[in-house]
Amino acid sequence: MTVPEPGVMMSFAELALAVLVLLLTPGPTNSLVLLAGAERGLAGAMRLIPAELAGYVVTVVPLALVGASLLEGQAGLQGAVTLAAGAWVAVLALRLWRTGATPKDLSVGPRALFVTTALNPKGLIFGLVLLPSPDRLAANLALFAGLVVAVATLWALAGAALRGGGTGQPRALFLLRRLASLWLAAISLVLIARGVGA
């Protein structure tokens, strides 16, 4: 599936599919929600979803409203945002690597999820390409918010399934944190490379 050029009008179904595919793609936000499900269980991870939604809202809404006009002629701004996102994800990877091995050591909190989501480069695509539409911006944003919650719930469910019925196996949780840390480190390198090349 290709991302449409800015200003190209998509049907509501096309928009829903494009947003859904992009939201489902594994990245830093989804990695944290998955880990939250493994650490806290489904109910605990669900309590973090408002932080994810708020992180997207502070980025996507201003971009959808005035982003295209503000970014005209500011070629380096997208690179700077991508570099900042890469640096933040690298910090998260390091923190996650250092988190203890017991289930009580929670590595994902609302602040980390909010900042990670606000800096997520997906927000640029949502705010500048997919959601802007003068005649249906409110409907697009409502659709987006509903899909954010639905996809976050799926990632939280997957994490809770990894946790199992109990409080989580310390060794399995430790390995999951290490894998998530390595994944985030890889994402950060890609983002930093893109930011430098922008």
C-alpha atoms as a PDB file:
ATOM      1  CA  MET A   1       0.000   0.000   0.000  1.00  0.00           C
ATOM      2  CA  THR A   2       1.392   3.411  -0.903  1.00  0.00           C
ATOM      3  CA  VAL A   3       0.948   6.550   1.159  1.00  0.00           C
ATOM      4  CA  PRO A   4      -0.944   9.171  -0.852  1.00  0.00           C
ATOM      5  CA  GLU A   5       0.522  12.543  -1.647  1.00  0.00           C
ATOM      6  CA  PRO A   6      -0.579  15.402   0.646  1.00  0.00           C
ATOM      7  CA  GLY A   7      -3.844  16.890  -0.501  1.00  0.00           C
ATOM      8  CA  VAL A   8      -5.053  13.735  -2.273  1.00  0.00           C
ATOM      9  CA  MET A   9      -8.548  12.914  -1.007  1.00  0.00           C
ATOM     10  CA  MET A  10      -9.137   9.316   0.073  1.00  0.00           C
ATOM     11  CA  SER A  11     -12.437   7.652   0.775  1.00  0.00           C
ATOM     12  CA  PHE A  12     -13.260   7.041   4.421  1.00  0.00           C
ATOM     13  CA  ALA A  13     -12.607   3.291   3.968  1.00  0.00           C
ATOM     14  CA  GLU A  14      -9.224   3.954   2.321  1.00  0.00           C
ATOM     15  CA  LEU A  15      -8.300   6.315   5.117  1.00  0.00           C
ATOM     16  CA  ALA A  16      -9.310   3.765   7.772  1.00  0.00           C
ATOM     17  CA  LEU A  17      -7.212   1.071   6.104  1.00  0.00           C
ATOM     18  CA  ALA A  18      -4.174   3.342   5.710  1.00  0.00           C
ATOM     19  CA  VAL A  19      -4.347   4.480   9.346  1.00  0.00           C
ATOM     20  CA  LEU A  20      -4.907   0.924  10.583  1.00  0.00           C
ATOM     21  CA  VAL A  21      -1.939  -0.514   8.681  1.00  0.00           C
ATOM     22  CA  LEU A  22       0.352   2.266   9.887  1.00  0.00           C
ATOM     23  CA  LEU A  23      -0.826   1.946  13.496  1.00  0.00           C
ATOM     24  CA  LEU A  24      -0.370  -1.847  13.472  1.00  0.00           C
ATOM     25  CA  THR A  25       3.220  -1.586  12.235  1.00  0.00           C
ATOM     26  CA  PRO A  26       5.615  -2.504  15.059  1.00  0.00           C
ATOM     27  CA  GLY A  27       7.427   0.538  16.355  1.00  0.00           C
ATOM     28  CA  PRO A  28       8.432   2.185  19.624  1.00  0.00           C
ATOM     29  CA  THR A  29       4.895   2.940  20.832  1.00  0.00           C
ATOM     30  CA  ASN A  30       3.573  -0.540  20.047  1.00  0.00           C
ATOM     31  CA  SER A  31       6.635  -2.128  21.650  1.00  0.00           C
ATOM     32  CA  LEU A  32       5.953  -0.250  24.876  1.00  0.00           C
ATOM     33  CA  VAL A  33       2.247  -1.178  24.889  1.00  0.00           C
ATOM     34  CA  LEU A  34       3.144  -4.844  24.302  1.00  0.00           C
ATOM     35  CA  LEU A  35       5.630  -4.725  27.158  1.00  0.00           C
ATOM     36  CA  ALA A  36       3.081  -2.947  29.384  1.00  0.00           C
ATOM     37  CA  GLY A  37       0.633  -5.797  28.746  1.00  0.00           C
ATOM     38  CA  ALA A  38       3.295  -8.323  29.737  1.00  0.00           C
ATOM     39  CA  GLU A  39       4.251  -6.367  32.850  1.00  0.00           C
ATOM     40  CA  ARG A  40       0.866  -5.161  34.080  1.00  0.00           C
ATOM     41  CA  GLY A  41      -1.684  -7.440  32.440  1.00  0.00           C
ATOM     42  CA  LEU A  42      -4.460  -6.208  30.170  1.00  0.00           C
ATOM     43  CA  ALA A  43      -6.208  -3.979  32.727  1.00  0.00           C
ATOM     44  CA  GLY A  44      -2.968  -2.254  33.720  1.00  0.00           C
ATOM     45  CA  ALA A  45      -1.900  -1.711  30.114  1.00  0.00           C
ATOM     46  CA  MET A  46      -5.337  -0.341  29.189  1.00  0.00           C
ATOM     47  CA  ARG A  47      -4.869   2.402  31.785  1.00  0.00           C
ATOM     48  CA  LEU A  48      -1.881   3.631  29.747  1.00  0.00           C
ATOM     49  CA  ILE A  49      -3.807   4.008  26.474  1.00  0.00           C
ATOM     50  CA  PRO A  50      -4.947   7.592  27.261  1.00  0.00           C
ATOM     51  CA  ALA A  51      -1.249   8.563  27.455  1.00  0.00           C
ATOM     52  CA  GLU A  52      -0.686   7.122  23.974  1.00  0.00           C
ATOM     53  CA  LEU A  53      -3.757   8.875  22.592  1.00  0.00           C
ATOM     54  CA  ALA A  54      -2.667  12.183  24.165  1.00  0.00           C
ATOM     55  CA  GLY A  55       0.806  11.780  22.644  1.00  0.00           C
ATOM     56  CA  TYR A  56      -0.674  11.385  19.187  1.00  0.00           C
ATOM     57  CA  VAL A  57      -3.151  14.248  19.703  1.00  0.00           C
ATOM     58  CA  VAL A  58      -0.470  16.824  20.633  1.00  0.00           C
ATOM     59  CA  THR A  59       1.410  16.006  17.439  1.00  0.00           C
ATOM     60  CA  VAL A  60      -1.262  15.065  14.916  1.00  0.00           C
ATOM     61  CA  VAL A  61      -3.925  17.729  15.537  1.00  0.00           C
ATOM     62  CA  PRO A  62      -1.647  20.788  15.095  1.00  0.00           C
ATOM     63  CA  LEU A  63      -0.027  19.186  12.038  1.00  0.00           C
ATOM     64  CA  ALA A  64      -3.413  18.368  10.501  1.00  0.00           C
ATOM     65  CA  LEU A  65      -4.647  21.915  11.091  1.00  0.00           C
ATOM     66  CA  VAL A  66      -1.669  24.040  10.036  1.00  0.00           C
ATOM     67  CA  GLY A  67       1.312  21.716   9.560  1.00  0.00           C
ATOM     68  CA  ALA A  68       1.623  21.838   5.791  1.00  0.00           C
ATOM     69  CA  SER A  69       1.737  25.652   5.671  1.00  0.00           C
ATOM     70  CA  LEU A  70       4.155  25.898   8.608  1.00  0.00           C
ATOM     71  CA  LEU A  71       6.568  23.327   7.203  1.00  0.00           C
ATOM     72  CA  GLU A  72       6.756  24.904   3.753  1.00  0.00           C
ATOM     73  CA  GLY A  73      10.359  25.854   3.160  1.00  0.00           C
ATOM     74  CA  GLN A  74      11.499  24.191   6.423  1.00  0.00           C
ATOM     75  CA  ALA A  75      13.240  21.170   4.922  1.00  0.00           C
ATOM     76  CA  GLY A  76      15.427  20.534   7.960  1.00  0.00           C
ATOM     77  CA  LEU A  77      12.557  20.451  10.442  1.00  0.00           C
ATOM     78  CA  GLN A  78      11.440  16.919   9.591  1.00  0.00           C
ATOM     79  CA  GLY A  79      15.046  15.735   9.916  1.00  0.00           C
ATOM     80  CA  ALA A  80      15.334  17.410  13.316  1.00  0.00           C
ATOM     81  CA  VAL A  81      12.110  15.762  14.543  1.00  0.00           C
ATOM     82  CA  THR A  82      13.319  12.380  13.278  1.00  0.00           C
ATOM     83  CA  LEU A  83      16.676  12.840  15.037  1.00  0.00           C
ATOM     84  CA  ALA A  84      14.913  13.776  18.283  1.00  0.00           C
ATOM     85  CA  ALA A  85      12.697  10.696  17.980  1.00  0.00           C
ATOM     86  CA  GLY A  86      15.743   8.498  17.366  1.00  0.00           C
ATOM     87  CA  ALA A  87      17.549   9.899  20.388  1.00  0.00           C
ATOM     88  CA  TRP A  88      14.503   9.393  22.634  1.00  0.00           C
ATOM     89  CA  VAL A  89      14.017   5.807  21.453  1.00  0.00           C
ATOM     90  CA  ALA A  90      17.721   5.135  22.149  1.00  0.00           C
ATOM     91  CA  VAL A  91      17.240   6.424  25.717  1.00  0.00           C
ATOM     92  CA  LEU A  92      14.207   4.154  26.104  1.00  0.00           C
ATOM     93  CA  ALA A  93      16.177   1.162  24.823  1.00  0.00           C
ATOM     94  CA  LEU A  94      18.929   1.832  27.358  1.00  0.00           C
ATOM     95  CA  ARG A  95      16.464   2.273  30.241  1.00  0.00           C
ATOM     96  CA  LEU A  96      14.670  -0.906  29.270  1.00  0.00           C
ATOM     97  CA  TRP A  97      17.942  -2.845  29.134  1.00  0.00           C
ATOM     98  CA  ARG A  98      18.724  -1.718  32.687  1.00  0.00           C
ATOM     99  CA  THR A  99      15.294  -2.579  34.131  1.00  0.00           C
ATOM    100  CA  GLY A 100      15.372  -5.306  36.767  1.00  0.00           C
ATOM    101  CA  ALA A 101      14.346  -8.887  36.229  1.00  0.00           C
ATOM    102  CA  THR A 102      11.393  -9.086  38.624  1.00  0.00           C
ATOM    103  CA  PRO A 103       7.771  -8.592  37.552  1.00  0.00           C
ATOM    104  CA  LYS A 104       7.447  -5.720  40.042  1.00  0.00           C
ATOM    105  CA  ASP A 105      10.004  -3.685  38.097  1.00  0.00           C
ATOM    106  CA  LEU A 106       7.704  -1.795  35.716  1.00  0.00           C
ATOM    107  CA  SER A 107       9.568  -0.273  32.802  1.00  0.00           C
ATOM    108  CA  VAL A 108       6.615   1.336  30.999  1.00  0.00           C
ATOM    109  CA  GLY A 109       4.784   4.283  32.510  1.00  0.00           C
ATOM    110  CA  PRO A 110       2.415   6.929  31.150  1.00  0.00           C
ATOM    111  CA  ARG A 111       5.091   9.602  30.730  1.00  0.00           C
ATOM    112  CA  ALA A 112       7.393   7.355  28.677  1.00  0.00           C
ATOM    113  CA  LEU A 113       4.474   6.245  26.498  1.00  0.00           C
ATOM    114  CA  PHE A 114       3.263   9.838  25.997  1.00  0.00           C
ATOM    115  CA  VAL A 115       6.686  11.198  24.977  1.00  0.00           C
ATOM    116  CA  THR A 116       7.455   8.194  22.779  1.00  0.00           C
ATOM    117  CA  THR A 117       4.159   8.598  20.943  1.00  0.00           C
ATOM    118  CA  ALA A 118       4.469  12.377  20.618  1.00  0.00           C
ATOM    119  CA  LEU A 119       7.884  11.889  18.985  1.00  0.00           C
ATOM    120  CA  ASN A 120       6.784   8.910  16.882  1.00  0.00           C
ATOM    121  CA  PRO A 121       7.500   9.695  13.198  1.00  0.00           C
ATOM    122  CA  LYS A 122       4.171   8.051  12.327  1.00  0.00           C
ATOM    123  CA  GLY A 123       2.587  11.226  13.708  1.00  0.00           C
ATOM    124  CA  LEU A 124       4.071  13.201  10.821  1.00  0.00           C
ATOM    125  CA  ILE A 125       2.414  10.905   8.294  1.00  0.00           C
ATOM    126  CA  PHE A 126      -0.915  11.020  10.119  1.00  0.00           C
ATOM    127  CA  GLY A 127      -0.877  14.790  10.629  1.00  0.00           C
ATOM    128  CA  LEU A 128       0.570  15.928   7.311  1.00  0.00           C
ATOM    129  CA  VAL A 129      -0.642  13.302   4.836  1.00  0.00           C
ATOM    130  CA  LEU A 130      -3.516  11.101   5.971  1.00  0.00           C
ATOM    131  CA  LEU A 131      -5.810  13.160   8.192  1.00  0.00           C
ATOM    132  CA  PRO A 132      -5.910  16.718   6.796  1.00  0.00           C
ATOM    133  CA  SER A 133      -9.164  17.387   4.990  1.00  0.00           C
ATOM    134  CA  PRO A 134     -10.983  20.719   5.133  1.00  0.00           C
ATOM    135  CA  ASP A 135     -14.462  19.229   4.958  1.00  0.00           C
ATOM    136  CA  ARG A 136     -14.085  16.195   7.244  1.00  0.00           C
ATOM    137  CA  LEU A 137     -11.177  16.815   9.606  1.00  0.00           C
ATOM    138  CA  ALA A 138     -13.301  16.192  12.728  1.00  0.00           C
ATOM    139  CA  ALA A 139     -14.547  12.860  11.357  1.00  0.00           C
ATOM    140  CA  ASN A 140     -11.007  11.865  10.359  1.00  0.00           C
ATOM    141  CA  LEU A 141      -9.700  12.667  13.834  1.00  0.00           C
ATOM    142  CA  ALA A 142     -12.540  10.711  15.482  1.00  0.00           C
ATOM    143  CA  LEU A 143     -11.765   7.714  13.256  1.00  0.00           C
ATOM    144  CA  PHE A 144      -8.071   8.049  14.091  1.00  0.00           C
ATOM    145  CA  ALA A 145      -8.713   8.183  17.850  1.00  0.00           C
ATOM    146  CA  GLY A 146     -10.925   5.088  17.706  1.00  0.00           C
ATOM    147  CA  LEU A 147      -8.309   3.160  15.732  1.00  0.00           C
ATOM    148  CA  VAL A 148      -5.526   4.216  18.131  1.00  0.00           C
ATOM    149  CA  VAL A 149      -7.499   2.762  21.046  1.00  0.00           C
ATOM    150  CA  ALA A 150      -8.375  -0.420  19.125  1.00  0.00           C
ATOM    151  CA  VAL A 151      -4.801  -1.092  17.988  1.00  0.00           C
ATOM    152  CA  ALA A 152      -3.344  -0.296  21.416  1.00  0.00           C
ATOM    153  CA  THR A 153      -5.813  -2.758  22.912  1.00  0.00           C
ATOM    154  CA  LEU A 154      -4.608  -5.453  20.484  1.00  0.00           C
ATOM    155  CA  TRP A 155      -0.967  -4.856  21.418  1.00  0.00           C
ATOM    156  CA  ALA A 156      -1.872  -4.850  25.120  1.00  0.00           C
ATOM    157  CA  LEU A 157      -3.768  -8.129  24.643  1.00  0.00           C
ATOM    158  CA  ALA A 158      -0.735  -9.661  22.943  1.00  0.00           C
ATOM    159  CA  GLY A 159       1.456  -8.581  25.848  1.00  0.00           C
ATOM    160  CA  ALA A 160      -1.014  -9.904  28.403  1.00  0.00           C
ATOM    161  CA  ALA A 161      -1.083 -13.238  26.539  1.00  0.00           C
ATOM    162  CA  LEU A 162       2.707 -13.415  26.846  1.00  0.00           C
ATOM    163  CA  ARG A 163       2.309 -12.763  30.558  1.00  0.00           C
ATOM    164  CA  GLY A 164       0.068 -15.798  31.014  1.00  0.00           C
ATOM    165  CA  GLY A 165      -2.474 -16.265  33.771  1.00  0.00           C
ATOM    166  CA  GLY A 166      -0.238 -15.314  36.674  1.00  0.00           C
ATOM    167  CA  THR A 167       1.943 -12.383  37.597  1.00  0.00           C
ATOM    168  CA  GLY A 168       4.402 -13.072  34.808  1.00  0.00           C
ATOM    169  CA  GLN A 169       7.439 -15.324  34.797  1.00  0.00           C
ATOM    170  CA  PRO A 170      10.483 -13.313  35.902  1.00  0.00           C
ATOM    171  CA  ARG A 171      12.806 -14.988  33.375  1.00  0.00           C
ATOM    172  CA  ALA A 172      10.363 -14.633  30.461  1.00  0.00           C
ATOM    173  CA  LEU A 173       9.655 -10.995  31.366  1.00  0.00           C
ATOM    174  CA  PHE A 174      13.376 -10.291  31.585  1.00  0.00           C
ATOM    175  CA  LEU A 175      13.911 -11.799  28.115  1.00  0.00           C
ATOM    176  CA  LEU A 176      10.967  -9.853  26.685  1.00  0.00           C
ATOM    177  CA  ARG A 177      12.411  -6.622  28.066  1.00  0.00           C
ATOM    178  CA  ARG A 178      15.791  -7.437  26.538  1.00  0.00           C
ATOM    179  CA  LEU A 179      14.205  -8.210  23.153  1.00  0.00           C
ATOM    180  CA  ALA A 180      12.145  -5.011  23.290  1.00  0.00           C
ATOM    181  CA  SER A 181      15.298  -3.062  24.202  1.00  0.00           C
ATOM    182  CA  LEU A 182      17.186  -4.487  21.220  1.00  0.00           C
ATOM    183  CA  TRP A 183      14.233  -3.769  18.920  1.00  0.00           C
ATOM    184  CA  LEU A 184      14.007  -0.174  20.144  1.00  0.00           C
ATOM    185  CA  ALA A 185      17.777   0.242  19.703  1.00  0.00           C
ATOM    186  CA  ALA A 186      17.460  -0.925  16.083  1.00  0.00           C
ATOM    187  CA  ILE A 187      14.559   1.486  15.483  1.00  0.00           C
ATOM    188  CA  SER A 188      16.579   4.336  17.008  1.00  0.00           C
ATOM    189  CA  LEU A 189      19.501   3.671  14.644  1.00  0.00           C
ATOM    190  CA  VAL A 190      17.157   3.747  11.645  1.00  0.00           C
ATOM    191  CA  LEU A 191      15.560   6.996  12.832  1.00  0.00           C
ATOM    192  CA  ILE A 192      18.910   8.660  13.510  1.00  0.00           C
ATOM    193  CA  ALA A 193      20.189   7.607  10.079  1.00  0.00           C
ATOM    194  CA  ARG A 194      17.046   9.029   8.436  1.00  0.00           C
ATOM    195  CA  GLY A 195      17.313  12.232  10.444  1.00  0.00           C
ATOM    196  CA  VAL A 196      20.951  12.744   9.461  1.00  0.00           C
ATOM    197  CA  GLY A 197      20.141  12.018   5.812  1.00  0.00           C
ATOM    198  CA  ALA A 198      17.128  14.369   5.689  1.00  0.00           C
END
